[in-house]
Protein backbone atom coordinates (compact mmCIF):
# COMPACT_ATOMS: atom_id res chain seq x y z
CA MET A 1 -19.51 13.87 -5.98
CA PRO A 2 -22.00 16.23 -4.29
CA VAL A 3 -21.43 17.18 -0.69
CA PRO A 4 -24.25 15.82 1.50
CA SER A 5 -26.43 18.48 3.05
CA PRO A 6 -27.67 18.28 6.65
CA ALA A 7 -31.01 17.10 5.26
CA SER A 8 -29.30 14.17 3.49
CA PRO A 9 -26.60 12.72 5.78
CA LEU A 10 -23.98 10.48 4.27
CA VAL A 11 -24.99 6.89 4.93
CA LEU A 12 -22.02 4.56 5.28
CA PRO A 13 -22.40 0.82 4.84
CA PRO A 14 -22.54 -0.92 8.23
CA ASP A 15 -19.77 -3.34 7.20
CA LEU A 16 -17.31 -0.61 6.12
CA GLN A 17 -13.76 -1.70 6.98
CA GLN A 18 -11.09 0.85 7.91
CA GLY A 19 -7.56 0.45 6.58
CA LEU A 20 -4.25 0.85 8.41
CA ALA A 21 -2.41 4.03 9.32
CA PRO A 22 0.37 5.12 6.97
CA VAL A 23 3.97 4.16 7.74
CA ILE A 24 5.70 7.35 6.63
CA ASP A 25 7.97 10.05 7.96
CA ARG A 26 9.53 13.24 6.64
CA HIS A 27 12.53 11.33 5.24
CA ILE A 28 10.92 8.71 3.01
CA ARG A 29 11.88 8.93 -0.65
CA VAL A 30 9.83 5.94 -1.79
CA LEU A 31 6.27 4.99 -0.90
CA VAL A 32 4.75 1.58 -1.64
CA LEU A 33 0.98 1.72 -2.00
CA GLY A 34 -1.16 -1.38 -1.87
CA SER A 35 -4.88 -1.43 -2.53
CA PHE A 36 -6.41 -2.31 0.87
CA PRO A 37 -5.29 -4.71 3.62
CA GLY A 38 -6.48 -8.30 3.34
CA GLU A 39 -8.26 -10.17 6.10
CA ALA A 40 -5.04 -11.41 7.75
CA SER A 41 -3.56 -7.89 7.76
CA LEU A 42 -6.70 -6.32 9.20
CA ALA A 43 -6.90 -9.00 11.90
CA ALA A 44 -3.24 -8.51 12.85
CA GLN A 45 -3.31 -4.72 12.24
CA GLN A 46 -0.11 -5.18 10.23
CA TYR A 47 0.70 -4.55 6.59
CA TYR A 48 1.16 -7.73 4.55
CA ALA A 49 0.50 -10.12 7.45
CA HIS A 50 -0.54 -13.10 5.31
CA PRO A 51 2.33 -15.61 5.61
CA ARG A 52 2.36 -16.32 1.86
CA ASN A 53 2.42 -12.66 0.81
CA GLN A 54 5.83 -11.92 -0.70
CA PHE A 55 5.99 -8.24 0.30
CA TRP A 56 8.42 -8.66 3.21
CA PRO A 57 10.72 -11.10 1.36
CA LEU A 58 10.75 -8.75 -1.67
CA LEU A 59 11.57 -5.66 0.39
CA GLY A 60 14.08 -7.66 2.41
CA ALA A 61 15.88 -8.68 -0.78
CA LEU A 62 15.83 -5.08 -2.06
CA THR A 63 17.15 -3.56 1.18
CA GLY A 64 19.49 -6.37 2.26
CA GLU A 65 17.59 -6.60 5.55
CA PRO A 66 16.20 -9.81 7.12
CA LEU A 67 12.70 -8.30 7.18
CA PRO A 68 10.66 -11.54 7.21
CA ASP A 69 12.52 -12.69 10.34
CA LEU A 70 12.02 -9.48 12.33
CA PRO A 71 9.17 -8.47 14.64
CA TYR A 72 6.70 -6.22 12.82
CA ALA A 73 7.73 -2.98 14.56
CA ASP A 74 11.36 -3.64 13.62
CA ARG A 75 10.38 -4.30 10.00
CA LEU A 76 8.73 -0.90 9.83
CA ALA A 77 11.68 0.82 11.47
CA ARG A 78 14.10 -0.80 9.00
CA LEU A 79 11.97 0.24 6.02
CA LEU A 80 11.86 3.82 7.27
CA SER A 81 15.63 3.77 7.81
CA HIS A 82 15.94 2.98 4.08
CA GLY A 83 13.61 5.85 3.18
CA ILE A 84 10.70 3.55 2.30
CA GLY A 85 7.12 4.04 3.49
CA VAL A 86 4.00 1.88 3.21
CA TRP A 87 0.34 2.78 2.83
CA ASP A 88 -2.72 1.89 0.76
CA VAL A 89 -4.65 3.81 -1.87
CA LEU A 90 -7.90 3.00 -0.08
CA GLY A 91 -8.61 4.08 3.48
CA ALA A 92 -11.92 2.26 3.75
CA CYS A 93 -14.11 -0.10 1.78
CA VAL A 94 -16.46 -3.03 2.01
CA ARG A 95 -14.86 -6.31 1.01
CA GLU A 96 -15.70 -9.91 1.69
CA GLY A 97 -12.49 -11.90 1.74
CA SER A 98 -9.19 -10.46 0.54
CA LEU A 99 -9.55 -10.25 -3.24
CA ASP A 100 -9.41 -6.77 -4.76
CA SER A 101 -12.18 -7.79 -7.14
CA ASN A 102 -14.53 -7.92 -4.13
CA ILE A 103 -13.93 -4.28 -3.10
CA ARG A 104 -17.11 -2.20 -2.89
CA HIS A 105 -17.81 1.33 -1.59
CA ALA A 106 -14.13 2.26 -1.97
CA GLN A 107 -12.94 5.43 -0.25
CA ALA A 108 -9.49 6.75 -1.17
CA ASN A 109 -7.00 7.83 1.46
CA ASP A 110 -6.31 11.55 1.88
CA PHE A 111 -3.21 12.09 -0.23
CA VAL A 112 -3.53 15.89 -0.31
CA ARG A 113 -1.45 16.09 2.87
CA LEU A 114 1.25 13.74 1.57
CA LYS A 115 3.63 16.48 0.41
CA ALA A 116 3.59 18.04 3.89
CA LEU A 117 4.00 14.71 5.70
CA ALA A 118 6.69 13.33 3.37
CA PRO A 119 8.44 16.27 1.65
CA ALA A 120 11.36 14.09 0.45
CA LEU A 121 9.04 11.63 -1.33
CA ARG A 122 9.98 11.20 -5.00
CA ARG A 123 8.78 7.78 -6.16
CA VAL A 124 5.54 5.90 -5.57
CA GLY A 125 5.40 2.18 -6.25
CA PHE A 126 2.02 0.51 -6.64
CA ASN A 127 1.77 -3.04 -5.36
CA GLY A 128 -0.43 -4.50 -8.09
CA GLY A 129 -2.87 -3.36 -10.71
CA THR A 130 -5.68 -2.23 -8.42
CA SER A 131 -3.53 0.33 -6.65
CA GLY A 132 -1.78 1.04 -9.97
CA ARG A 133 -4.99 2.63 -11.24
CA PHE A 134 -3.99 5.67 -9.15
CA ALA A 135 -0.58 6.06 -10.84
CA ALA A 136 -1.68 8.85 -13.19
CA GLN A 137 -2.93 10.95 -10.28
CA PHE A 138 0.43 10.66 -8.54
CA GLU A 139 2.30 11.46 -11.76
CA ALA A 140 0.15 14.58 -12.13
CA ALA A 141 1.17 15.54 -8.58
CA GLY A 142 4.84 15.36 -9.62
CA TYR A 143 5.89 11.92 -8.37
CA GLU A 144 7.73 9.23 -10.32
CA THR A 145 5.59 6.10 -10.40
CA VAL A 146 6.10 2.41 -11.03
CA VAL A 147 3.35 -0.21 -11.12
CA LEU A 148 4.71 -3.46 -9.70
CA PRO A 149 3.43 -7.02 -9.89
CA SER A 150 1.36 -7.79 -6.82
CA SER A 151 3.12 -9.43 -3.88
CA SER A 152 -0.13 -11.23 -3.07
CA PRO A 153 -0.23 -15.03 -3.07
CA ALA A 154 -3.24 -14.69 -5.39
CA HIS A 155 -0.90 -13.28 -8.07
CA ALA A 156 0.83 -16.47 -9.15
CA ALA A 157 1.59 -15.47 -12.74
CA ARG A 158 5.22 -14.76 -11.76
CA ASN A 159 7.52 -16.53 -9.34
CA PHE A 160 9.48 -14.71 -6.63
CA GLU A 161 12.59 -14.14 -8.77
CA GLN A 162 10.54 -12.69 -11.62
CA LYS A 163 8.71 -10.36 -9.23
CA LEU A 164 11.97 -9.31 -7.57
CA ALA A 165 13.50 -8.39 -10.93
CA LEU A 166 10.55 -6.06 -11.58
CA TRP A 167 10.45 -4.72 -8.01
CA ARG A 168 14.07 -3.53 -8.40
CA ALA A 169 12.60 -0.58 -10.37
CA LEU A 170 11.21 0.67 -7.06
CA LEU A 171 14.67 1.65 -5.81
CA ASN A 172 16.47 2.44 -9.09
């Protein structure tokens, strides 16, 4: 993509939505990447805020923590204590509703600085196929990757138990 010159400033869509800040520290070994927060998550400024999203129950089952029952800040602290971080592949986009198929003007997050911010990171799990499109780039950067079935309520092809069985690969 050409770099805009001063004569041709980059014009961003007026309805560009910004994503959430990463939940990472120097000790995470696993990073779960979604695509972009849905409407409920953006409104709450919390990852996976939709009450039917299975992310928190799945991670709770994997870690043995009561994550769905905890206040959001405590959920994040517990994930970090298990060496798990959360972020999205996209830092900004235009999207009406919460479906990944509606994403337009996608802008990837800055992952160049990831090795400095999370030097212990070894495995990246992609929460669904949209974020999973980035798996090859992370493999090329030296990370183990696993593309997981989406925790979204829109992904009803598998029930919770089936998803959990596949999500176990995140921590193996």
